[in-house]
Protein backbone atom coordinates (compact mmCIF):
# COMPACT_ATOMS: atom_id res chain seq x y z
CA MET A 1 0.00 0.00 0.00
CA HIS A 2 1.24 3.45 -0.92
CA LEU A 3 -1.72 5.83 -1.05
CA LYS A 4 -3.72 5.85 2.21
CA SER A 5 -6.49 8.31 1.42
CA ILE A 6 -7.71 11.27 -0.57
CA LYS A 7 -9.77 14.16 0.76
CA LEU A 8 -11.96 16.47 -1.29
CA SER A 9 -12.05 20.04 0.00
CA GLU A 10 -15.25 21.72 -1.18
CA ASN A 11 -13.97 25.09 0.01
CA LYS A 12 -11.33 24.86 -2.74
CA PHE A 13 -13.87 24.43 -5.53
CA PRO A 14 -13.47 27.39 -7.93
CA THR A 15 -17.10 27.08 -9.08
CA ARG A 16 -20.30 25.13 -8.40
CA LYS A 17 -21.78 25.66 -11.86
CA HIS A 18 -19.32 23.88 -14.12
CA TYR A 19 -18.20 20.26 -14.45
CA PRO A 20 -16.85 18.54 -12.44
CA PHE A 21 -17.56 20.84 -9.51
CA ASN A 22 -21.28 20.85 -10.23
CA LEU A 23 -21.52 17.11 -9.48
CA THR A 24 -23.23 16.53 -6.14
CA ILE A 25 -21.13 13.41 -5.62
CA PHE A 26 -17.96 15.53 -5.35
CA GLN A 27 -19.66 18.15 -3.20
CA LYS A 28 -20.86 15.52 -0.70
CA THR A 29 -17.92 13.09 -0.64
CA LYS A 30 -15.27 14.10 1.87
CA THR A 31 -12.76 11.23 2.14
CA LEU A 32 -11.90 7.96 0.42
CA SER A 33 -9.58 5.63 2.32
CA PHE A 34 -7.62 2.87 0.60
CA ALA A 35 -7.07 -0.29 2.62
CA SER A 36 -6.59 -2.77 -0.22
CA PRO A 37 -3.84 -2.97 -2.87
CA VAL A 38 -6.58 -3.02 -5.53
CA THR A 39 -9.49 -0.56 -5.53
CA PHE A 40 -12.25 -0.28 -8.13
CA PHE A 41 -14.32 2.77 -8.99
CA VAL A 42 -17.66 1.59 -10.41
CA GLY A 43 -20.79 3.32 -11.62
CA GLU A 44 -22.67 4.46 -14.69
CA ASN A 45 -21.17 6.68 -17.37
CA GLY A 46 -20.97 10.31 -16.31
CA THR A 47 -20.81 9.65 -12.57
CA GLY A 48 -17.27 11.04 -12.25
CA LYS A 49 -15.12 7.88 -11.98
CA SER A 50 -12.62 8.78 -14.69
CA THR A 51 -12.58 12.43 -13.68
CA LEU A 52 -11.61 11.60 -10.10
CA LEU A 53 -9.08 9.00 -11.27
CA GLU A 54 -7.37 11.56 -13.50
CA ALA A 55 -7.40 14.15 -10.71
CA ILE A 56 -5.68 11.67 -8.39
CA GLY A 57 -3.06 11.11 -11.07
CA HIS A 58 -2.33 14.82 -11.42
CA LYS A 59 -2.25 15.33 -7.64
CA CYS A 60 0.17 12.40 -7.21
CA GLY A 61 2.52 13.76 -9.86
CA ILE A 62 1.84 10.97 -12.37
CA TYR A 63 2.38 11.98 -15.96
CA ILE A 64 -0.68 11.54 -18.14
CA TRP A 65 -0.16 11.27 -21.89
CA GLU A 66 -2.41 13.67 -23.75
CA ASN A 67 -4.05 13.36 -27.15
CA ILE A 68 -3.43 16.07 -29.72
CA GLU A 69 -5.36 19.19 -28.74
CA ARG A 70 -8.24 19.95 -31.10
CA VAL A 71 -10.45 22.99 -31.49
CA ARG A 72 -13.54 22.51 -29.36
CA PHE A 73 -17.03 23.93 -29.76
CA GLU A 74 -17.21 24.79 -26.07
CA ASN A 75 -14.25 24.95 -23.73
CA ASN A 76 -14.56 24.25 -20.01
CA PRO A 77 -11.67 25.90 -18.15
CA TYR A 78 -12.49 23.94 -14.97
CA GLU A 79 -12.49 20.34 -16.25
CA LYS A 80 -8.85 19.65 -15.26
CA GLN A 81 -8.90 21.50 -11.92
CA LEU A 82 -10.37 18.90 -9.55
CA CYS A 83 -6.84 17.93 -8.50
CA ASN A 84 -6.48 21.36 -6.87
CA ALA A 85 -9.26 20.46 -4.42
CA LEU A 86 -7.65 17.14 -3.44
CA HIS A 87 -5.38 16.30 -0.54
CA VAL A 88 -3.54 12.98 -0.69
CA GLU A 89 -2.08 11.07 2.23
CA TRP A 90 0.74 8.59 1.62
CA LYS A 91 1.69 5.68 3.84
CA ASN A 92 5.47 5.99 3.54
CA GLY A 93 6.04 8.86 1.15
CA SER A 94 5.07 9.28 -2.47
CA VAL A 95 5.94 6.71 -5.12
CA PRO A 96 6.11 6.90 -8.92
CA GLY A 97 3.37 5.41 -11.04
CA SER A 98 1.52 5.47 -14.33
CA TYR A 99 -1.89 6.31 -15.73
CA PHE A 100 -3.47 4.04 -18.32
CA ALA A 101 -6.41 4.90 -20.57
CA SER A 102 -7.11 3.15 -23.86
CA ASP A 103 -7.76 6.37 -25.77
CA ILE A 104 -4.26 7.70 -25.05
CA PHE A 105 -2.38 4.41 -25.06
CA ARG A 106 -1.85 4.44 -28.83
CA ASN A 107 -0.01 7.75 -28.58
CA PHE A 108 2.36 6.17 -26.07
CA ALA A 109 2.85 3.08 -28.26
CA GLN A 110 3.67 5.26 -31.27
CA LEU A 111 6.21 7.28 -29.28
CA LEU A 112 7.74 4.06 -27.97
CA ASP A 113 8.23 2.90 -31.57
CA GLU A 114 10.00 6.16 -32.40
CA TRP A 115 12.35 5.73 -29.44
CA ALA A 116 12.99 2.10 -30.38
CA ALA A 117 14.09 3.18 -33.86
CA SER A 118 17.21 4.68 -32.26
CA ASP A 119 17.52 2.24 -29.34
CA PRO A 120 15.74 -1.12 -29.87
CA ARG A 121 16.71 -2.23 -26.36
CA ILE A 122 13.94 -0.05 -24.94
CA LEU A 123 11.46 -2.68 -26.15
CA ASP A 124 12.96 -5.14 -23.67
CA TYR A 125 10.94 -3.33 -21.00
CA PHE A 126 7.69 -4.02 -22.87
CA GLY A 127 7.88 -7.69 -23.78
CA GLY A 128 10.64 -7.45 -26.36
CA CYS A 129 8.60 -6.38 -29.39
CA SER A 130 6.83 -3.30 -30.71
CA LEU A 131 3.45 -2.63 -29.15
CA MET A 132 2.32 -1.37 -32.57
CA THR A 133 2.78 -4.81 -34.15
CA GLN A 134 0.43 -6.47 -31.67
CA SER A 135 -3.34 -6.42 -31.49
CA HIS A 136 -4.92 -3.78 -29.30
CA GLY A 137 -5.57 -6.24 -26.49
CA GLN A 138 -2.17 -7.94 -26.79
CA SER A 139 -0.36 -4.60 -26.57
CA PHE A 140 -2.36 -3.74 -23.44
CA MET A 141 -1.31 -6.97 -21.74
CA SER A 142 2.34 -6.59 -22.80
CA PHE A 143 2.38 -3.15 -21.20
CA PHE A 144 0.63 -4.35 -18.03
CA ARG A 145 2.94 -7.34 -17.52
CA SER A 146 6.08 -5.24 -17.87
CA ARG A 147 5.10 -2.00 -16.12
CA TYR A 148 3.48 -3.49 -13.06
CA GLN A 149 6.63 -5.32 -12.00
CA ILE A 150 7.89 -1.94 -10.77
CA LYS A 151 7.02 -0.42 -7.41
CA GLY A 152 4.37 2.23 -7.84
CA LEU A 153 0.81 3.55 -7.85
CA TYR A 154 -1.10 2.50 -10.96
CA LEU A 155 -4.26 4.18 -12.20
CA LEU A 156 -6.27 2.44 -14.93
CA ASP A 157 -9.28 3.87 -16.72
CA GLU A 158 -11.48 1.09 -18.15
CA PRO A 159 -8.60 -1.25 -19.11
CA GLU A 160 -11.13 -3.86 -20.27
CA THR A 161 -12.11 -1.93 -23.41
CA ALA A 162 -9.98 -4.00 -25.81
CA LEU A 163 -9.69 -7.16 -23.72
CA SER A 164 -11.50 -10.42 -24.41
CA PRO A 165 -13.03 -12.23 -21.42
CA LYS A 166 -9.96 -14.48 -21.31
CA SER A 167 -7.62 -11.48 -21.35
CA GLN A 168 -9.66 -9.89 -18.59
CA MET A 169 -9.09 -13.05 -16.56
CA ASP A 170 -5.36 -12.74 -17.29
CA LEU A 171 -5.41 -9.14 -16.09
CA LEU A 172 -7.37 -10.21 -13.02
CA GLN A 173 -4.65 -12.72 -12.16
CA LEU A 174 -1.93 -10.13 -12.78
CA LEU A 175 -3.62 -7.63 -10.46
CA ASP A 176 -3.90 -10.30 -7.79
CA GLU A 177 -0.23 -11.28 -8.10
CA MET A 178 1.20 -7.76 -8.25
CA GLY A 179 -1.08 -6.44 -5.51
CA SER A 180 -0.24 -9.37 -3.21
CA ALA A 181 3.49 -8.89 -3.84
CA GLY A 182 3.25 -5.57 -1.97
CA HIS A 183 5.04 -3.29 -4.42
CA ALA A 184 2.08 -2.21 -6.54
CA GLN A 185 -1.17 -0.46 -5.70
CA PHE A 186 -3.99 -0.15 -8.25
CA ILE A 187 -6.98 2.17 -8.54
CA ILE A 188 -9.17 1.17 -11.48
CA ALA A 189 -12.28 2.70 -13.02
CA THR A 190 -14.15 -0.16 -14.67
CA HIS A 191 -17.44 -1.56 -15.96
CA SER A 192 -16.11 -5.13 -15.97
CA PRO A 193 -17.75 -7.52 -13.47
CA ILE A 194 -14.87 -9.91 -14.23
CA LEU A 195 -12.23 -7.49 -12.96
CA MET A 196 -14.20 -6.26 -9.97
CA SER A 197 -14.64 -9.87 -8.77
CA LEU A 198 -11.05 -9.84 -7.50
CA PRO A 199 -11.10 -11.31 -3.96
CA GLY A 200 -10.16 -8.76 -1.31
CA ALA A 201 -10.48 -5.76 -3.62
CA ALA A 202 -12.29 -2.63 -2.44
CA ILE A 203 -15.16 -1.37 -4.60
CA PHE A 204 -16.32 2.25 -4.40
CA ASN A 205 -19.79 2.90 -5.78
CA PHE A 206 -20.26 6.16 -7.70
CA GLU A 207 -23.99 5.56 -8.08
CA GLU A 208 -24.60 6.61 -4.47
CA ILE A 209 -23.99 9.98 -2.84
CA PRO A 210 -21.59 10.23 -1.15
CA ILE A 211 -19.26 7.64 -2.68
CA GLU A 212 -19.29 4.55 -0.49
CA GLN A 213 -17.75 1.09 -0.49
CA ILE A 214 -20.00 -1.69 -1.75
CA ASP A 215 -19.90 -5.49 -1.91
CA TYR A 216 -19.27 -7.07 -5.30
CA LYS A 217 -22.65 -8.80 -5.55
CA GLU A 218 -24.43 -5.54 -4.69
CA THR A 219 -23.02 -3.68 -7.69
CA SER A 220 -25.42 -2.94 -10.52
CA HIS A 221 -22.91 -4.52 -12.93
CA TYR A 222 -23.06 -7.89 -11.17
CA ARG A 223 -26.86 -7.80 -10.87
CA ILE A 224 -27.39 -6.86 -14.53
CA TYR A 225 -25.04 -9.55 -15.84
CA LYS A 226 -26.54 -12.16 -13.54
CA ARG A 227 -30.06 -11.27 -14.67
CA PHE A 228 -29.00 -11.42 -18.33
CA ILE A 229 -27.28 -14.79 -18.01
CA LEU A 230 -30.17 -16.35 -16.09
CA SER A 231 -32.69 -15.05 -18.63
CA SER A 232 -30.73 -16.61 -21.51
CA LEU A 233 -30.59 -20.12 -20.02
């Protein structure tokens, strides 16, 4: 365990009218404590899971690869400022880490290929071959297997997007092994009932206000999948 808790300070909100500060869930949630090496953020789209995950990354000094900036119809100057209202508490001092999101991973893989053109040995840290020559899901798993051997705090935003059910099971096993080893801590925003079934993991429910911990079988994801499977038998 590295990160013990985060606190949201409403008095540091620069506005109450714009996202994400207009979300009641952030106005009413005061503290999240992390007591497990693997924590899941779960909830419907738009509940703030990814936004809080990214804010934690910025507050913890984790570099987040950005897509190319495009002209936008409407710009929100507050969307990246939630980190300024966070306070983080470490167990034994800060640690390095990484932030994974499928929509920015390709940019990283392309840059890695450019670096490898001048120094092919850099690929040794990512399974020994170019991430660009693998399928989307295979490149994800190559990155996960290599990066999570290193001590750190790892934030993942919906890592299941390109993973088959079998690959999700492989990631589940990897999270269990790396979390149990003691060097890695994971906070993961996900919709995958496969991933969130990890024994001993903490699950924070973003469908309730304030955010609270919930049992796996009480999540809407588990109940919906169970209902679907039973109805198809």
